[in-house]
Amino acid sequence: GKIQASFNYSDGKIFVFYEFQGDKIKDYEVEVK
């Protein structure tokens, strides 16, 4: 499903924070736009 994300800007860098529900032992392909 859609993943809620938050972000902060500091010194030319953007920090994006997110979490989602799923199986901990499985691999996921995560993309950020």
All heavy atoms as atom14 arrays in JSON, in Angstrom:
{
  "sequence": "GKIQASFNYSDGKIFVFYEFQGDKIKDYEVEVK",
  "atom14_mask": [
    [1, 1, 1, 1, 0, 0, 0, 0, 0, 0, 0, 0, 0, 0],
    [1, 1, 1, 1, 1, 1, 1, 1, 1, 0, 0, 0, 0, 0],
    [1, 1, 1, 1, 1, 1, 1, 1, 0, 0, 0, 0, 0, 0],
    [1, 1, 1, 1, 1, 1, 1, 1, 1, 0, 0, 0, 0, 0],
    [1, 1, 1, 1, 1, 0, 0, 0, 0, 0, 0, 0, 0, 0],
    [1, 1, 1, 1, 1, 1, 0, 0, 0, 0, 0, 0, 0, 0],
    [1, 1, 1, 1, 1, 1, 1, 1, 1, 1, 1, 0, 0, 0],
    [1, 1, 1, 1, 1, 1, 1, 1, 0, 0, 0, 0, 0, 0],
    [1, 1, 1, 1, 1, 1, 1, 1, 1, 1, 1, 1, 0, 0],
    [1, 1, 1, 1, 1, 1, 0, 0, 0, 0, 0, 0, 0, 0],
    [1, 1, 1, 1, 1, 1, 1, 1, 0, 0, 0, 0, 0, 0],
    [1, 1, 1, 1, 0, 0, 0, 0, 0, 0, 0, 0, 0, 0],
    [1, 1, 1, 1, 1, 1, 1, 1, 1, 0, 0, 0, 0, 0],
    [1, 1, 1, 1, 1, 1, 1, 1, 0, 0, 0, 0, 0, 0],
    [1, 1, 1, 1, 1, 1, 1, 1, 1, 1, 1, 0, 0, 0],
    [1, 1, 1, 1, 1, 1, 1, 0, 0, 0, 0, 0, 0, 0],
    [1, 1, 1, 1, 1, 1, 1, 1, 1, 1, 1, 0, 0, 0],
    [1, 1, 1, 1, 1, 1, 1, 1, 1, 1, 1, 1, 0, 0],
    [1, 1, 1, 1, 1, 1, 1, 1, 1, 0, 0, 0, 0, 0],
    [1, 1, 1, 1, 1, 1, 1, 1, 1, 1, 1, 0, 0, 0],
    [1, 1, 1, 1, 1, 1, 1, 1, 1, 0, 0, 0, 0, 0],
    [1, 1, 1, 1, 0, 0, 0, 0, 0, 0, 0, 0, 0, 0],
    [1, 1, 1, 1, 1, 1, 1, 1, 0, 0, 0, 0, 0, 0],
    [1, 1, 1, 1, 1, 1, 1, 1, 1, 0, 0, 0, 0, 0],
    [1, 1, 1, 1, 1, 1, 1, 1, 0, 0, 0, 0, 0, 0],
    [1, 1, 1, 1, 1, 1, 1, 1, 1, 0, 0, 0, 0, 0],
    [1, 1, 1, 1, 1, 1, 1, 1, 0, 0, 0, 0, 0, 0],
    [1, 1, 1, 1, 1, 1, 1, 1, 1, 1, 1, 1, 0, 0],
    [1, 1, 1, 1, 1, 1, 1, 1, 1, 0, 0, 0, 0, 0],
    [1, 1, 1, 1, 1, 1, 1, 0, 0, 0, 0, 0, 0, 0],
    [1, 1, 1, 1, 1, 1, 1, 1, 1, 0, 0, 0, 0, 0],
    [1, 1, 1, 1, 1, 1, 1, 0, 0, 0, 0, 0, 0, 0],
    [1, 1, 1, 1, 1, 1, 1, 1, 1, 0, 0, 0, 0, 0]
  ],
  "atom14_positions": [
    [[0.82, -1.19, 0.0], [0.0, 0.0, 0.0], [0.86, 1.25, 0.0], [2.08, 1.2, 0.05], [0.0, 0.0, 0.0], [0.0, 0.0, 0.0], [0.0, 0.0, 0.0], [0.0, 0.0, 0.0], [0.0, 0.0, 0.0], [0.0, 0.0, 0.0], [0.0, 0.0, 0.0], [0.0, 0.0, 0.0], [0.0, 0.0, 0.0], [0.0, 0.0, 0.0]],
    [[0.22, 2.41, -0.05], [0.95, 3.67, 0.0], [1.7, 3.76, 1.33], [1.2, 3.37, 2.37], [-0.01, 4.85, -0.11], [-0.5, 5.08, -1.51], [0.57, 5.7, -2.33], [0.05, 6.05, -3.7], [1.06, 6.59, -4.55], [0.0, 0.0, 0.0], [0.0, 0.0, 0.0], [0.0, 0.0, 0.0], [0.0, 0.0, 0.0], [0.0, 0.0, 0.0]],
    [[2.88, 4.32, 1.27], [3.72, 4.43, 2.45], [3.81, 5.9, 2.84], [4.17, 6.74, 2.01], [5.13, 3.86, 2.16], [5.02, 2.38, 1.82], [6.04, 4.08, 3.35], [6.31, 1.76, 1.35], [0.0, 0.0, 0.0], [0.0, 0.0, 0.0], [0.0, 0.0, 0.0], [0.0, 0.0, 0.0], [0.0, 0.0, 0.0], [0.0, 0.0, 0.0]],
    [[3.49, 6.19, 4.07], [3.59, 7.55, 4.57], [5.06, 7.87, 4.85], [5.77, 7.08, 5.45], [2.78, 7.71, 5.86], [1.29, 7.53, 5.67], [0.69, 8.61, 4.79], [1.09, 9.76, 4.85], [-0.27, 8.23, 3.98], [0.0, 0.0, 0.0], [0.0, 0.0, 0.0], [0.0, 0.0, 0.0], [0.0, 0.0, 0.0], [0.0, 0.0, 0.0]],
    [[5.5, 9.02, 4.38], [6.89, 9.42, 4.56], [6.95, 10.84, 5.07], [6.12, 11.68, 4.74], [7.65, 9.3, 3.25], [0.0, 0.0, 0.0], [0.0, 0.0, 0.0], [0.0, 0.0, 0.0], [0.0, 0.0, 0.0], [0.0, 0.0, 0.0], [0.0, 0.0, 0.0], [0.0, 0.0, 0.0], [0.0, 0.0, 0.0], [0.0, 0.0, 0.0]],
    [[7.97, 11.13, 5.87], [8.24, 12.49, 6.31], [9.68, 12.81, 5.96], [10.47, 11.91, 5.67], [8.01, 12.62, 7.82], [8.88, 11.75, 8.52], [0.0, 0.0, 0.0], [0.0, 0.0, 0.0], [0.0, 0.0, 0.0], [0.0, 0.0, 0.0], [0.0, 0.0, 0.0], [0.0, 0.0, 0.0], [0.0, 0.0, 0.0], [0.0, 0.0, 0.0]],
    [[10.02, 14.11, 5.96], [11.39, 14.45, 5.58], [11.84, 15.73, 6.29], [11.04, 16.54, 6.72], [11.52, 14.61, 4.07], [10.7, 15.72, 3.47], [11.27, 16.96, 3.23], [9.38, 15.52, 3.12], [10.53, 17.98, 2.67], [8.63, 16.53, 2.56], [9.21, 17.78, 2.33], [0.0, 0.0, 0.0], [0.0, 0.0, 0.0], [0.0, 0.0, 0.0]],
    [[13.16, 15.87, 6.4], [13.81, 17.05, 6.95], [14.94, 17.45, 6.02], [15.56, 16.6, 5.38], [14.41, 16.77, 8.33], [13.36, 16.46, 9.37], [12.28, 17.03, 9.34], [13.68, 15.57, 10.28], [0.0, 0.0, 0.0], [0.0, 0.0, 0.0], [0.0, 0.0, 0.0], [0.0, 0.0, 0.0], [0.0, 0.0, 0.0], [0.0, 0.0, 0.0]],
    [[15.25, 18.76, 5.99], [16.35, 19.27, 5.18], [17.42, 19.83, 6.1], [17.11, 20.57, 7.05], [15.85, 20.35, 4.22], [16.96, 21.01, 3.45], [17.52, 20.39, 2.34], [17.46, 22.25, 3.84], [18.55, 20.99, 1.63], [18.48, 22.87, 3.14], [19.02, 22.23, 2.04], [20.05, 22.82, 1.34], [0.0, 0.0, 0.0], [0.0, 0.0, 0.0]],
    [[18.69, 19.49, 5.8], [19.79, 20.02, 6.6], [21.09, 19.92, 5.81], [21.46, 18.84, 5.35], [19.91, 19.24, 7.91], [21.04, 19.68, 8.64], [0.0, 0.0, 0.0], [0.0, 0.0, 0.0], [0.0, 0.0, 0.0], [0.0, 0.0, 0.0], [0.0, 0.0, 0.0], [0.0, 0.0, 0.0], [0.0, 0.0, 0.0], [0.0, 0.0, 0.0]],
    [[21.78, 21.05, 5.65], [23.12, 21.11, 5.04], [23.2, 20.42, 3.68], [24.09, 19.6, 3.44], [24.17, 20.51, 5.98], [24.29, 21.28, 7.29], [24.13, 22.52, 7.25], [24.54, 20.64, 8.32], [0.0, 0.0, 0.0], [0.0, 0.0, 0.0], [0.0, 0.0, 0.0], [0.0, 0.0, 0.0], [0.0, 0.0, 0.0], [0.0, 0.0, 0.0]],
    [[22.29, 20.73, 2.77], [22.35, 20.17, 1.43], [21.91, 18.72, 1.34], [22.12, 18.07, 0.31], [0.0, 0.0, 0.0], [0.0, 0.0, 0.0], [0.0, 0.0, 0.0], [0.0, 0.0, 0.0], [0.0, 0.0, 0.0], [0.0, 0.0, 0.0], [0.0, 0.0, 0.0], [0.0, 0.0, 0.0], [0.0, 0.0, 0.0], [0.0, 0.0, 0.0]],
    [[21.31, 18.2, 2.41], [20.83, 16.82, 2.41], [19.38, 16.8, 2.86], [18.96, 17.59, 3.7], [21.64, 15.95, 3.37], [23.08, 15.77, 2.97], [23.81, 14.91, 3.98], [25.28, 14.79, 3.6], [26.01, 14.01, 4.58], [0.0, 0.0, 0.0], [0.0, 0.0, 0.0], [0.0, 0.0, 0.0], [0.0, 0.0, 0.0], [0.0, 0.0, 0.0]],
    [[18.64, 15.88, 2.26], [17.25, 15.67, 2.68], [17.19, 14.27, 3.3], [17.64, 13.29, 2.7], [16.27, 15.79, 1.5], [16.29, 17.22, 0.96], [14.88, 15.38, 1.93], [15.39, 17.45, -0.22], [0.0, 0.0, 0.0], [0.0, 0.0, 0.0], [0.0, 0.0, 0.0], [0.0, 0.0, 0.0], [0.0, 0.0, 0.0], [0.0, 0.0, 0.0]],
    [[16.62, 14.19, 4.49], [16.47, 12.93, 5.2], [15.0, 12.51, 5.11], [14.12, 13.24, 5.56], [16.88, 13.09, 6.67], [18.31, 13.52, 6.84], [18.64, 14.87, 6.95], [19.33, 12.58, 6.86], [19.96, 15.28, 7.09], [20.65, 12.97, 7.0], [20.97, 14.32, 7.12], [0.0, 0.0, 0.0], [0.0, 0.0, 0.0], [0.0, 0.0, 0.0]],
    [[14.76, 11.36, 4.5], [13.4, 10.84, 4.32], [13.2, 9.69, 5.29], [14.02, 8.76, 5.35], [13.18, 10.36, 2.87], [11.77, 9.85, 2.68], [13.5, 11.46, 1.88], [0.0, 0.0, 0.0], [0.0, 0.0, 0.0], [0.0, 0.0, 0.0], [0.0, 0.0, 0.0], [0.0, 0.0, 0.0], [0.0, 0.0, 0.0], [0.0, 0.0, 0.0]],
    [[12.1, 9.73, 6.05], [11.8, 8.69, 7.03], [10.5, 8.0, 6.63], [9.52, 8.68, 6.29], [11.63, 9.31, 8.42], [12.84, 10.1, 8.86], [12.88, 11.49, 8.71], [13.94, 9.46, 9.4], [13.98, 12.22, 9.1], [15.05, 10.19, 9.8], [15.08, 11.56, 9.64], [0.0, 0.0, 0.0], [0.0, 0.0, 0.0], [0.0, 0.0, 0.0]],
    [[10.49, 6.67, 6.68], [9.29, 5.91, 6.34], [9.3, 4.57, 7.05], [10.34, 4.11, 7.54], [9.2, 5.68, 4.82], [10.21, 4.69, 4.29], [9.9, 3.33, 4.18], [11.48, 5.09, 3.91], [10.83, 2.41, 3.72], [12.41, 4.19, 3.43], [12.08, 2.85, 3.34], [13.0, 1.95, 2.88], [0.0, 0.0, 0.0], [0.0, 0.0, 0.0]],
    [[8.12, 3.95, 7.12], [7.99, 2.58, 7.6], [6.73, 1.98, 6.99], [5.81, 2.7, 6.62], [7.99, 2.49, 9.12], [6.88, 3.21, 9.83], [7.01, 3.09, 11.35], [6.87, 1.96, 11.87], [7.25, 4.12, 11.99], [0.0, 0.0, 0.0], [0.0, 0.0, 0.0], [0.0, 0.0, 0.0], [0.0, 0.0, 0.0], [0.0, 0.0, 0.0]],
    [[6.73, 0.66, 6.85], [5.57, -0.04, 6.31], [5.47, -1.43, 6.92], [6.45, -1.97, 7.42], [5.62, -0.1, 4.78], [6.76, -0.93, 4.23], [6.58, -2.27, 3.9], [8.0, -0.36, 4.04], [7.62, -3.02, 3.4], [9.05, -1.1, 3.54], [8.87, -2.43, 3.22], [0.0, 0.0, 0.0], [0.0, 0.0, 0.0], [0.0, 0.0, 0.0]],
    [[4.25, -1.97, 6.88], [3.98, -3.3, 7.43], [4.31, -4.35, 6.38], [3.98, -4.19, 5.21], [2.5, -3.42, 7.83], [2.06, -2.42, 8.86], [2.78, -2.62, 10.19], [2.95, -3.73, 10.65], [3.24, -1.53, 10.78], [0.0, 0.0, 0.0], [0.0, 0.0, 0.0], [0.0, 0.0, 0.0], [0.0, 0.0, 0.0], [0.0, 0.0, 0.0]],
    [[4.92, -5.42, 6.79], [5.25, -6.51, 5.88], [5.99, -7.61, 6.62], [6.18, -7.55, 7.84], [0.0, 0.0, 0.0], [0.0, 0.0, 0.0], [0.0, 0.0, 0.0], [0.0, 0.0, 0.0], [0.0, 0.0, 0.0], [0.0, 0.0, 0.0], [0.0, 0.0, 0.0], [0.0, 0.0, 0.0], [0.0, 0.0, 0.0], [0.0, 0.0, 0.0]],
    [[6.41, -8.61, 5.89], [7.14, -9.73, 6.47], [8.61, -9.34, 6.63], [9.28, -8.99, 5.66], [7.0, -10.95, 5.54], [7.46, -12.23, 6.2], [8.13, -12.17, 7.26], [7.16, -13.31, 5.64], [0.0, 0.0, 0.0], [0.0, 0.0, 0.0], [0.0, 0.0, 0.0], [0.0, 0.0, 0.0], [0.0, 0.0, 0.0], [0.0, 0.0, 0.0]],
    [[9.12, -9.41, 7.85], [10.48, -8.98, 8.15], [11.56, -9.78, 7.42], [12.63, -9.26, 7.15], [10.76, -9.07, 9.65], [10.03, -8.08, 10.48], [10.39, -8.27, 11.94], [9.64, -7.29, 12.81], [10.01, -7.41, 14.21], [0.0, 0.0, 0.0], [0.0, 0.0, 0.0], [0.0, 0.0, 0.0], [0.0, 0.0, 0.0], [0.0, 0.0, 0.0]],
    [[11.27, -11.02, 7.1], [12.31, -11.85, 6.48], [12.33, -11.76, 4.95], [13.22, -12.29, 4.32], [12.17, -13.34, 6.9], [10.83, -13.9, 6.46], [12.36, -13.48, 8.39], [10.72, -15.4, 6.65], [0.0, 0.0, 0.0], [0.0, 0.0, 0.0], [0.0, 0.0, 0.0], [0.0, 0.0, 0.0], [0.0, 0.0, 0.0], [0.0, 0.0, 0.0]],
    [[11.36, -11.07, 4.37], [11.3, -10.95, 2.91], [12.02, -9.7, 2.43], [12.09, -8.7, 3.14], [9.85, -10.93, 2.43], [9.17, -12.27, 2.66], [7.84, -12.31, 2.02], [7.22, -13.69, 2.24], [5.94, -13.83, 1.61], [0.0, 0.0, 0.0], [0.0, 0.0, 0.0], [0.0, 0.0, 0.0], [0.0, 0.0, 0.0], [0.0, 0.0, 0.0]],
    [[12.53, -9.78, 1.2], [13.19, -8.63, 0.57], [12.17, -7.77, -0.15], [11.19, -8.28, -0.71], [14.24, -9.1, -0.44], [15.49, -9.63, 0.23], [15.8, -9.19, 1.35], [16.16, -10.5, -0.37], [0.0, 0.0, 0.0], [0.0, 0.0, 0.0], [0.0, 0.0, 0.0], [0.0, 0.0, 0.0], [0.0, 0.0, 0.0], [0.0, 0.0, 0.0]],
    [[12.42, -6.47, -0.15], [11.57, -5.5, -0.82], [12.42, -4.59, -1.68], [13.58, -4.32, -1.36], [10.8, -4.66, 0.21], [9.78, -5.46, 0.98], [10.13, -6.15, 2.12], [8.46, -5.51, 0.56], [9.2, -6.89, 2.83], [7.52, -6.25, 1.26], [7.9, -6.93, 2.39], [6.97, -7.66, 3.08], [0.0, 0.0, 0.0], [0.0, 0.0, 0.0]],
    [[11.84, -4.12, -2.77], [12.46, -3.11, -3.62], [11.81, -1.78, -3.27], [10.61, -1.59, -3.51], [12.25, -3.44, -5.1], [12.74, -2.39, -6.05], [14.25, -2.33, -6.16], [14.91, -3.36, -5.98], [14.76, -1.23, -6.42], [0.0, 0.0, 0.0], [0.0, 0.0, 0.0], [0.0, 0.0, 0.0], [0.0, 0.0, 0.0], [0.0, 0.0, 0.0]],
    [[12.58, -0.86, -2.68], [12.06, 0.43, -2.25], [12.55, 1.51, -3.19], [13.75, 1.6, -3.48], [12.49, 0.74, -0.8], [12.09, 2.15, -0.39], [11.89, -0.28, 0.16], [0.0, 0.0, 0.0], [0.0, 0.0, 0.0], [0.0, 0.0, 0.0], [0.0, 0.0, 0.0], [0.0, 0.0, 0.0], [0.0, 0.0, 0.0], [0.0, 0.0, 0.0]],
    [[11.62, 2.32, -3.69], [11.93, 3.45, -4.56], [11.4, 4.73, -3.94], [10.34, 4.72, -3.29], [11.3, 3.27, -5.94], [11.88, 2.12, -6.73], [11.24, 2.0, -8.11], [10.25, 2.71, -8.4], [11.74, 1.18, -8.89], [0.0, 0.0, 0.0], [0.0, 0.0, 0.0], [0.0, 0.0, 0.0], [0.0, 0.0, 0.0], [0.0, 0.0, 0.0]],
    [[12.12, 5.81, -4.17], [11.74, 7.12, -3.64], [11.66, 8.11, -4.8], [12.59, 8.2, -5.61], [12.78, 7.61, -2.6], [12.43, 9.01, -2.12], [12.88, 6.65, -1.43], [0.0, 0.0, 0.0], [0.0, 0.0, 0.0], [0.0, 0.0, 0.0], [0.0, 0.0, 0.0], [0.0, 0.0, 0.0], [0.0, 0.0, 0.0], [0.0, 0.0, 0.0]],
    [[10.54, 8.83, -4.86], [10.34, 9.86, -5.89], [9.83, 11.11, -5.2], [9.01, 11.03, -4.27], [9.32, 9.42, -6.93], [9.75, 8.21, -7.73], [8.65, 7.78, -8.69], [9.05, 6.5, -9.39], [7.97, 5.96, -10.19], [0.0, 0.0, 0.0], [0.0, 0.0, 0.0], [0.0, 0.0, 0.0], [0.0, 0.0, 0.0], [0.0, 0.0, 0.0]]
  ]
}
